[in-house]
Amino acid sequence: MIHKLFTFPFQAVIKLGEKIAEEVDRELFDLGLIQKQLLQLELQFEFEEITIEEYEGKEAELLRRYEIAKAREQAAWFSSPDEED
């Protein structure tokens, strides 16, 4: 009982950290969000709000995230329901 009282705050912090990490991961690799960001980036470049170097750097990063997100999506499709837990 006493052990639970002392470890509860640490367990709560760990759970909170895991939830935050999941949410950040979800936002970083959300296909729809990445597509919107690519469109915004293209518009910024077309309206000369950013340089070609900035455009190419940000585009490369977004495309890398898109590839990872797509690979994760495909892996989720082909994984069995038992593997998710």
PDB file of N, CA and C in Angstrom:
ATOM      1  N   MET A   1       0.819  -1.198   0.000  1.00  0.00           N
ATOM      2  CA  MET A   1       0.000   0.000   0.000  1.00  0.00           C
ATOM      3  C   MET A   1       0.857   1.254   0.000  1.00  0.00           C
ATOM      4  N   ILE A   2       1.847   1.309   0.888  1.00  0.00           N
ATOM      5  CA  ILE A   2       2.726   2.472   0.965  1.00  0.00           C
ATOM      6  C   ILE A   2       3.523   2.606  -0.323  1.00  0.00           C
ATOM      7  N   HIS A   3       3.935   1.471  -0.858  1.00  0.00           N
ATOM      8  CA  HIS A   3       4.674   1.471  -2.125  1.00  0.00           C
ATOM      9  C   HIS A   3       3.861   2.160  -3.228  1.00  0.00           C
ATOM     10  N   LYS A   4       2.575   1.860  -3.296  1.00  0.00           N
ATOM     11  CA  LYS A   4       1.704   2.472  -4.299  1.00  0.00           C
ATOM     12  C   LYS A   4       1.596   3.972  -4.099  1.00  0.00           C
ATOM     13  N   LEU A   5       1.554   4.421  -2.860  1.00  0.00           N
ATOM     14  CA  LEU A   5       1.460   5.855  -2.577  1.00  0.00           C
ATOM     15  C   LEU A   5       2.688   6.608  -3.071  1.00  0.00           C
ATOM     16  N   PHE A   6       3.853   5.982  -2.942  1.00  0.00           N
ATOM     17  CA  PHE A   6       5.081   6.644  -3.362  1.00  0.00           C
ATOM     18  C   PHE A   6       5.324   6.553  -4.867  1.00  0.00           C
ATOM     19  N   THR A   7       4.890   5.476  -5.482  1.00  0.00           N
ATOM     20  CA  THR A   7       5.150   5.309  -6.918  1.00  0.00           C
ATOM     21  C   THR A   7       4.068   5.903  -7.796  1.00  0.00           C
ATOM     22  N   PHE A   8       2.898   6.193  -7.233  1.00  0.00           N
ATOM     23  CA  PHE A   8       1.805   6.730  -8.039  1.00  0.00           C
ATOM     24  C   PHE A   8       2.184   8.007  -8.786  1.00  0.00           C
ATOM     25  N   PRO A   9       2.817   8.995  -8.128  1.00  0.00           N
ATOM     26  CA  PRO A   9       3.160  10.216  -8.877  1.00  0.00           C
ATOM     27  C   PRO A   9       4.081   9.937 -10.067  1.00  0.00           C
ATOM     28  N   PHE A  10       5.017   9.026  -9.891  1.00  0.00           N
ATOM     29  CA  PHE A  10       5.929   8.694 -10.980  1.00  0.00           C
ATOM     30  C   PHE A  10       5.207   7.976 -12.113  1.00  0.00           C
ATOM     31  N   GLN A  11       4.315   7.079 -11.762  1.00  0.00           N
ATOM     32  CA  GLN A  11       3.545   6.366 -12.779  1.00  0.00           C
ATOM     33  C   GLN A  11       2.652   7.340 -13.549  1.00  0.00           C
ATOM     34  N   ALA A  12       2.080   8.301 -12.857  1.00  0.00           N
ATOM     35  CA  ALA A  12       1.225   9.301 -13.513  1.00  0.00           C
ATOM     36  C   ALA A  12       2.038  10.147 -14.487  1.00  0.00           C
ATOM     37  N   VAL A  13       3.238  10.537 -14.084  1.00  0.00           N
ATOM     38  CA  VAL A  13       4.110  11.331 -14.957  1.00  0.00           C
ATOM     39  C   VAL A  13       4.510  10.516 -16.176  1.00  0.00           C
ATOM     40  N   ILE A  14       4.812   9.266 -15.974  1.00  0.00           N
ATOM     41  CA  ILE A  14       5.194   8.395 -17.094  1.00  0.00           C
ATOM     42  C   ILE A  14       4.026   8.240 -18.065  1.00  0.00           C
ATOM     43  N   LYS A  15       2.829   8.004 -17.549  1.00  0.00           N
ATOM     44  CA  LYS A  15       1.641   7.877 -18.411  1.00  0.00           C
ATOM     45  C   LYS A  15       1.399   9.163 -19.195  1.00  0.00           C
ATOM     46  N   LEU A  16       1.532  10.305 -18.509  1.00  0.00           N
ATOM     47  CA  LEU A  16       1.336  11.594 -19.172  1.00  0.00           C
ATOM     48  C   LEU A  16       2.365  11.778 -20.282  1.00  0.00           C
ATOM     49  N   GLY A  17       3.607  11.430 -20.003  1.00  0.00           N
ATOM     50  CA  GLY A  17       4.655  11.525 -21.016  1.00  0.00           C
ATOM     51  C   GLY A  17       4.368  10.647 -22.221  1.00  0.00           C
ATOM     52  N   GLU A  18       3.869   9.447 -21.978  1.00  0.00           N
ATOM     53  CA  GLU A  18       3.527   8.541 -23.073  1.00  0.00           C
ATOM     54  C   GLU A  18       2.403   9.108 -23.920  1.00  0.00           C
ATOM     55  N   LYS A  19       1.388   9.683 -23.275  1.00  0.00           N
ATOM     56  CA  LYS A  19       0.255  10.278 -24.015  1.00  0.00           C
ATOM     57  C   LYS A  19       0.715  11.459 -24.855  1.00  0.00           C
ATOM     58  N   ILE A  20       1.584  12.289 -24.288  1.00  0.00           N
ATOM     59  CA  ILE A  20       2.106  13.443 -25.030  1.00  0.00           C
ATOM     60  C   ILE A  20       2.913  12.964 -26.227  1.00  0.00           C
ATOM     61  N   ALA A  21       3.753  11.965 -26.026  1.00  0.00           N
ATOM     62  CA  ALA A  21       4.563  11.429 -27.121  1.00  0.00           C
ATOM     63  C   ALA A  21       3.681  10.861 -28.235  1.00  0.00           C
ATOM     64  N   GLU A  22       2.610  10.174 -27.858  1.00  0.00           N
ATOM     65  CA  GLU A  22       1.682   9.626 -28.857  1.00  0.00           C
ATOM     66  C   GLU A  22       1.034  10.740 -29.669  1.00  0.00           C
ATOM     67  N   GLU A  23       0.616  11.807 -28.997  1.00  0.00           N
ATOM     68  CA  GLU A  23      -0.050  12.918 -29.679  1.00  0.00           C
ATOM     69  C   GLU A  23       0.917  13.649 -30.622  1.00  0.00           C
ATOM     70  N   VAL A  24       2.132  13.877 -30.161  1.00  0.00           N
ATOM     71  CA  VAL A  24       3.141  14.525 -31.009  1.00  0.00           C
ATOM     72  C   VAL A  24       3.420  13.653 -32.227  1.00  0.00           C
ATOM     73  N   ASP A  25       3.575  12.363 -32.001  1.00  0.00           N
ATOM     74  CA  ASP A  25       3.827  11.430 -33.092  1.00  0.00           C
ATOM     75  C   ASP A  25       2.669  11.438 -34.093  1.00  0.00           C
ATOM     76  N   ARG A  26       1.452  11.472 -33.584  1.00  0.00           N
ATOM     77  CA  ARG A  26       0.269  11.488 -34.443  1.00  0.00           C
ATOM     78  C   ARG A  26       0.248  12.750 -35.313  1.00  0.00           C
ATOM     79  N   GLU A  27       0.578  13.884 -34.719  1.00  0.00           N
ATOM     80  CA  GLU A  27       0.579  15.136 -35.479  1.00  0.00           C
ATOM     81  C   GLU A  27       1.728  15.187 -36.479  1.00  0.00           C
ATOM     82  N   LEU A  28       2.883  14.696 -36.097  1.00  0.00           N
ATOM     83  CA  LEU A  28       4.031  14.719 -37.003  1.00  0.00           C
ATOM     84  C   LEU A  28       3.805  13.873 -38.247  1.00  0.00           C
ATOM     85  N   PHE A  29       3.069  12.782 -38.090  1.00  0.00           N
ATOM     86  CA  PHE A  29       2.914  11.840 -39.188  1.00  0.00           C
ATOM     87  C   PHE A  29       1.467  11.713 -39.663  1.00  0.00           C
ATOM     88  N   ASP A  30       0.685  12.780 -39.532  1.00  0.00           N
ATOM     89  CA  ASP A  30      -0.685  12.821 -40.033  1.00  0.00           C
ATOM     90  C   ASP A  30      -0.639  13.177 -41.520  1.00  0.00           C
ATOM     91  N   LEU A  31      -1.095  12.251 -42.366  1.00  0.00           N
ATOM     92  CA  LEU A  31      -1.000  12.438 -43.816  1.00  0.00           C
ATOM     93  C   LEU A  31      -1.739  13.688 -44.287  1.00  0.00           C
ATOM     94  N   GLY A  32      -2.933  13.917 -43.787  1.00  0.00           N
ATOM     95  CA  GLY A  32      -3.707  15.088 -44.196  1.00  0.00           C
ATOM     96  C   GLY A  32      -3.014  16.383 -43.821  1.00  0.00           C
ATOM     97  N   LEU A  33      -2.468  16.426 -42.629  1.00  0.00           N
ATOM     98  CA  LEU A  33      -1.770  17.622 -42.172  1.00  0.00           C
ATOM     99  C   LEU A  33      -0.511  17.874 -42.997  1.00  0.00           C
ATOM    100  N   ILE A  34       0.212  16.830 -43.302  1.00  0.00           N
ATOM    101  CA  ILE A  34       1.424  16.975 -44.113  1.00  0.00           C
ATOM    102  C   ILE A  34       1.061  17.499 -45.505  1.00  0.00           C
ATOM    103  N   GLN A  35      -0.009  16.990 -46.085  1.00  0.00           N
ATOM    104  CA  GLN A  35      -0.435  17.459 -47.405  1.00  0.00           C
ATOM    105  C   GLN A  35      -0.798  18.943 -47.364  1.00  0.00           C
ATOM    106  N   LYS A  36      -1.494  19.376 -46.316  1.00  0.00           N
ATOM    107  CA  LYS A  36      -1.832  20.795 -46.170  1.00  0.00           C
ATOM    108  C   LYS A  36      -0.574  21.638 -46.039  1.00  0.00           C
ATOM    109  N   GLN A  37       0.386  21.141 -45.277  1.00  0.00           N
ATOM    110  CA  GLN A  37       1.634  21.879 -45.091  1.00  0.00           C
ATOM    111  C   GLN A  37       2.412  21.986 -46.400  1.00  0.00           C
ATOM    112  N   LEU A  38       2.370  20.943 -47.211  1.00  0.00           N
ATOM    113  CA  LEU A  38       3.026  21.000 -48.528  1.00  0.00           C
ATOM    114  C   LEU A  38       2.363  22.048 -49.424  1.00  0.00           C
ATOM    115  N   LEU A  39       1.035  22.100 -49.397  1.00  0.00           N
ATOM    116  CA  LEU A  39       0.326  23.115 -50.182  1.00  0.00           C
ATOM    117  C   LEU A  39       0.648  24.523 -49.701  1.00  0.00           C
ATOM    118  N   GLN A  40       0.659  24.715 -48.394  1.00  0.00           N
ATOM    119  CA  GLN A  40       1.000  26.026 -47.841  1.00  0.00           C
ATOM    120  C   GLN A  40       2.414  26.430 -48.225  1.00  0.00           C
ATOM    121  N   LEU A  41       3.314  25.483 -48.173  1.00  0.00           N
ATOM    122  CA  LEU A  41       4.697  25.740 -48.537  1.00  0.00           C
ATOM    123  C   LEU A  41       4.806  26.170 -50.000  1.00  0.00           C
ATOM    124  N   GLU A  42       4.093  25.467 -50.867  1.00  0.00           N
ATOM    125  CA  GLU A  42       4.108  25.811 -52.287  1.00  0.00           C
ATOM    126  C   GLU A  42       3.565  27.212 -52.524  1.00  0.00           C
ATOM    127  N   LEU A  43       2.487  27.552 -51.832  1.00  0.00           N
ATOM    128  CA  LEU A  43       1.928  28.895 -51.965  1.00  0.00           C
ATOM    129  C   LEU A  43       2.896  29.957 -51.461  1.00  0.00           C
ATOM    130  N   GLN A  44       3.554  29.691 -50.358  1.00  0.00           N
ATOM    131  CA  GLN A  44       4.541  30.642 -49.843  1.00  0.00           C
ATOM    132  C   GLN A  44       5.644  30.883 -50.865  1.00  0.00           C
ATOM    133  N   PHE A  45       6.068  29.811 -51.517  1.00  0.00           N
ATOM    134  CA  PHE A  45       7.110  29.953 -52.527  1.00  0.00           C
ATOM    135  C   PHE A  45       6.601  30.710 -53.750  1.00  0.00           C
ATOM    136  N   GLU A  46       5.402  30.383 -54.202  1.00  0.00           N
ATOM    137  CA  GLU A  46       4.848  31.052 -55.370  1.00  0.00           C
ATOM    138  C   GLU A  46       4.635  32.546 -55.142  1.00  0.00           C
ATOM    139  N   PHE A  47       4.280  32.919 -53.914  1.00  0.00           N
ATOM    140  CA  PHE A  47       4.078  34.336 -53.587  1.00  0.00           C
ATOM    141  C   PHE A  47       5.366  34.995 -53.093  1.00  0.00           C
ATOM    142  N   GLU A  48       6.481  34.288 -53.291  1.00  0.00           N
ATOM    143  CA  GLU A  48       7.819  34.779 -52.967  1.00  0.00           C
ATOM    144  C   GLU A  48       7.965  35.193 -51.504  1.00  0.00           C
ATOM    145  N   GLU A  49       7.309  34.441 -50.626  1.00  0.00           N
ATOM    146  CA  GLU A  49       7.434  34.685 -49.193  1.00  0.00           C
ATOM    147  C   GLU A  49       8.643  33.957 -48.615  1.00  0.00           C
ATOM    148  N   ILE A  50       9.120  32.940 -49.334  1.00  0.00           N
ATOM    149  CA  ILE A  50      10.310  32.196 -48.912  1.00  0.00           C
ATOM    150  C   ILE A  50      11.230  32.000 -50.117  1.00  0.00           C
ATOM    151  N   THR A  51      12.497  31.740 -49.842  1.00  0.00           N
ATOM    152  CA  THR A  51      13.474  31.523 -50.912  1.00  0.00           C
ATOM    153  C   THR A  51      13.406  30.075 -51.399  1.00  0.00           C
ATOM    154  N   ILE A  52      14.069  29.831 -52.502  1.00  0.00           N
ATOM    155  CA  ILE A  52      14.113  28.474 -53.063  1.00  0.00           C
ATOM    156  C   ILE A  52      14.813  27.525 -52.080  1.00  0.00           C
ATOM    157  N   GLU A  53      15.837  28.019 -51.385  1.00  0.00           N
ATOM    158  CA  GLU A  53      16.556  27.183 -50.426  1.00  0.00           C
ATOM    159  C   GLU A  53      15.644  26.784 -49.268  1.00  0.00           C
ATOM    160  N   GLU A  54      14.876  27.744 -48.747  1.00  0.00           N
ATOM    161  CA  GLU A  54      13.936  27.446 -47.663  1.00  0.00           C
ATOM    162  C   GLU A  54      12.874  26.459 -48.150  1.00  0.00           C
ATOM    163  N   TYR A  55      12.379  26.691 -49.356  1.00  0.00           N
ATOM    164  CA  TYR A  55      11.358  25.818 -49.928  1.00  0.00           C
ATOM    165  C   TYR A  55      11.866  24.391 -50.047  1.00  0.00           C
ATOM    166  N   GLU A  56      13.035  24.238 -50.637  1.00  0.00           N
ATOM    167  CA  GLU A  56      13.580  22.895 -50.857  1.00  0.00           C
ATOM    168  C   GLU A  56      13.870  22.174 -49.539  1.00  0.00           C
ATOM    169  N   GLY A  57      14.374  22.909 -48.559  1.00  0.00           N
ATOM    170  CA  GLY A  57      14.660  22.298 -47.258  1.00  0.00           C
ATOM    171  C   GLY A  57      13.397  21.836 -46.554  1.00  0.00           C
ATOM    172  N   LYS A  58      12.398  22.704 -46.509  1.00  0.00           N
ATOM    173  CA  LYS A  58      11.138  22.354 -45.842  1.00  0.00           C
ATOM    174  C   LYS A  58      10.394  21.272 -46.617  1.00  0.00           C
ATOM    175  N   GLU A  59      10.454  21.337 -47.941  1.00  0.00           N
ATOM    176  CA  GLU A  59       9.790  20.319 -48.755  1.00  0.00           C
ATOM    177  C   GLU A  59      10.407  18.946 -48.510  1.00  0.00           C
ATOM    178  N   ALA A  60      11.728  18.898 -48.449  1.00  0.00           N
ATOM    179  CA  ALA A  60      12.413  17.619 -48.209  1.00  0.00           C
ATOM    180  C   ALA A  60      11.989  17.028 -46.864  1.00  0.00           C
ATOM    181  N   GLU A  61      11.900  17.874 -45.844  1.00  0.00           N
ATOM    182  CA  GLU A  61      11.492  17.396 -44.519  1.00  0.00           C
ATOM    183  C   GLU A  61      10.049  16.889 -44.539  1.00  0.00           C
ATOM    184  N   LEU A  62       9.150  17.633 -45.179  1.00  0.00           N
ATOM    185  CA  LEU A  62       7.750  17.218 -45.257  1.00  0.00           C
ATOM    186  C   LEU A  62       7.591  15.924 -46.055  1.00  0.00           C
ATOM    187  N   LEU A  63       8.336  15.798 -47.134  1.00  0.00           N
ATOM    188  CA  LEU A  63       8.254  14.578 -47.935  1.00  0.00           C
ATOM    189  C   LEU A  63       8.806  13.371 -47.175  1.00  0.00           C
ATOM    190  N   ARG A  64       9.842  13.594 -46.370  1.00  0.00           N
ATOM    191  CA  ARG A  64      10.384  12.509 -45.543  1.00  0.00           C
ATOM    192  C   ARG A  64       9.336  12.053 -44.529  1.00  0.00           C
ATOM    193  N   ARG A  65       8.678  13.017 -43.881  1.00  0.00           N
ATOM    194  CA  ARG A  65       7.621  12.679 -42.935  1.00  0.00           C
ATOM    195  C   ARG A  65       6.461  11.982 -43.638  1.00  0.00           C
ATOM    196  N   TYR A  66       6.140  12.413 -44.858  1.00  0.00           N
ATOM    197  CA  TYR A  66       5.056  11.791 -45.617  1.00  0.00           C
ATOM    198  C   TYR A  66       5.377  10.331 -45.916  1.00  0.00           C
ATOM    199  N   GLU A  67       6.609  10.061 -46.318  1.00  0.00           N
ATOM    200  CA  GLU A  67       7.012   8.679 -46.610  1.00  0.00           C
ATOM    201  C   GLU A  67       6.908   7.806 -45.361  1.00  0.00           C
ATOM    202  N   ILE A  68       7.344   8.329 -44.229  1.00  0.00           N
ATOM    203  CA  ILE A  68       7.260   7.574 -42.974  1.00  0.00           C
ATOM    204  C   ILE A  68       5.797   7.309 -42.626  1.00  0.00           C
ATOM    205  N   ALA A  69       4.958   8.342 -42.752  1.00  0.00           N
ATOM    206  CA  ALA A  69       3.538   8.199 -42.428  1.00  0.00           C
ATOM    207  C   ALA A  69       2.880   7.175 -43.340  1.00  0.00           C
ATOM    208  N   LYS A  70       3.221   7.202 -44.613  1.00  0.00           N
ATOM    209  CA  LYS A  70       2.645   6.253 -45.569  1.00  0.00           C
ATOM    210  C   LYS A  70       3.085   4.830 -45.241  1.00  0.00           C
ATOM    211  N   ALA A  71       4.357   4.665 -44.893  1.00  0.00           N
ATOM    212  CA  ALA A  71       4.865   3.337 -44.529  1.00  0.00           C
ATOM    213  C   ALA A  71       4.171   2.827 -43.269  1.00  0.00           C
ATOM    214  N   ARG A  72       3.949   3.707 -42.299  1.00  0.00           N
ATOM    215  CA  ARG A  72       3.240   3.311 -41.081  1.00  0.00           C
ATOM    216  C   ARG A  72       1.809   2.913 -41.396  1.00  0.00           C
ATOM    217  N   GLU A  73       1.176   3.659 -42.269  1.00  0.00           N
ATOM    218  CA  GLU A  73      -0.200   3.353 -42.644  1.00  0.00           C
ATOM    219  C   GLU A  73      -0.277   1.976 -43.301  1.00  0.00           C
ATOM    220  N   GLN A  74       0.645   1.704 -44.213  1.00  0.00           N
ATOM    221  CA  GLN A  74       0.663   0.408 -44.886  1.00  0.00           C
ATOM    222  C   GLN A  74       0.963  -0.715 -43.902  1.00  0.00           C
ATOM    223  N   ALA A  75       1.865  -0.472 -42.969  1.00  0.00           N
ATOM    224  CA  ALA A  75       2.193  -1.494 -41.968  1.00  0.00           C
ATOM    225  C   ALA A  75       0.971  -1.791 -41.099  1.00  0.00           C
ATOM    226  N   ALA A  76       0.211  -0.762 -40.779  1.00  0.00           N
ATOM    227  CA  ALA A  76      -0.991  -0.949 -39.964  1.00  0.00           C
ATOM    228  C   ALA A  76      -2.030  -1.763 -40.724  1.00  0.00           C
ATOM    229  N   TRP A  77      -2.105  -1.574 -42.019  1.00  0.00           N
ATOM    230  CA  TRP A  77      -3.072  -2.318 -42.837  1.00  0.00           C
ATOM    231  C   TRP A  77      -2.748  -3.804 -42.866  1.00  0.00           C
ATOM    232  N   PHE A  78      -1.440  -4.102 -42.894  1.00  0.00           N
ATOM    233  CA  PHE A  78      -1.026  -5.496 -43.051  1.00  0.00           C
ATOM    234  C   PHE A  78      -0.736  -6.205 -41.738  1.00  0.00           C
ATOM    235  N   SER A  79      -0.785  -5.478 -40.634  1.00  0.00           N
ATOM    236  CA  SER A  79      -0.553  -6.125 -39.341  1.00  0.00           C
ATOM    237  C   SER A  79      -1.828  -6.767 -38.860  1.00  0.00           C
ATOM    238  N   SER A  80      -1.658  -7.803 -38.099  1.00  0.00           N
ATOM    239  CA  SER A  80      -2.846  -8.466 -37.567  1.00  0.00           C
ATOM    240  C   SER A  80      -3.345  -7.703 -36.342  1.00  0.00           C
ATOM    241  N   PRO A  81      -4.622  -7.835 -35.987  1.00  0.00           N
ATOM    242  CA  PRO A  81      -5.176  -7.125 -34.825  1.00  0.00           C
ATOM    243  C   PRO A  81      -4.448  -7.470 -33.532  1.00  0.00           C
ATOM    244  N   ASP A  82      -3.889  -8.682 -33.415  1.00  0.00           N
ATOM    245  CA  ASP A  82      -3.184  -9.095 -32.215  1.00  0.00           C
ATOM    246  C   ASP A  82      -1.889  -8.319 -32.010  1.00  0.00           C
ATOM    247  N   GLU A  83      -1.259  -7.869 -33.092  1.00  0.00           N
ATOM    248  CA  GLU A  83       0.023  -7.172 -33.014  1.00  0.00           C
ATOM    249  C   GLU A  83      -0.142  -5.753 -32.498  1.00  0.00           C
ATOM    250  N   GLU A  84      -1.323  -5.163 -32.589  1.00  0.00           N
ATOM    251  CA  GLU A  84      -1.515  -3.788 -32.172  1.00  0.00           C
ATOM    252  C   GLU A  84      -1.404  -3.628 -30.678  1.00  0.00           C
ATOM    253  N   ASP A  85      -1.769  -4.599 -29.896  1.00  0.00           N
ATOM    254  CA  ASP A  85      -1.717  -4.519 -28.424  1.00  0.00           C
ATOM    255  C   ASP A  85      -0.394  -4.915 -27.966  1.00  0.00           C
TER     256      ASP A  85
END
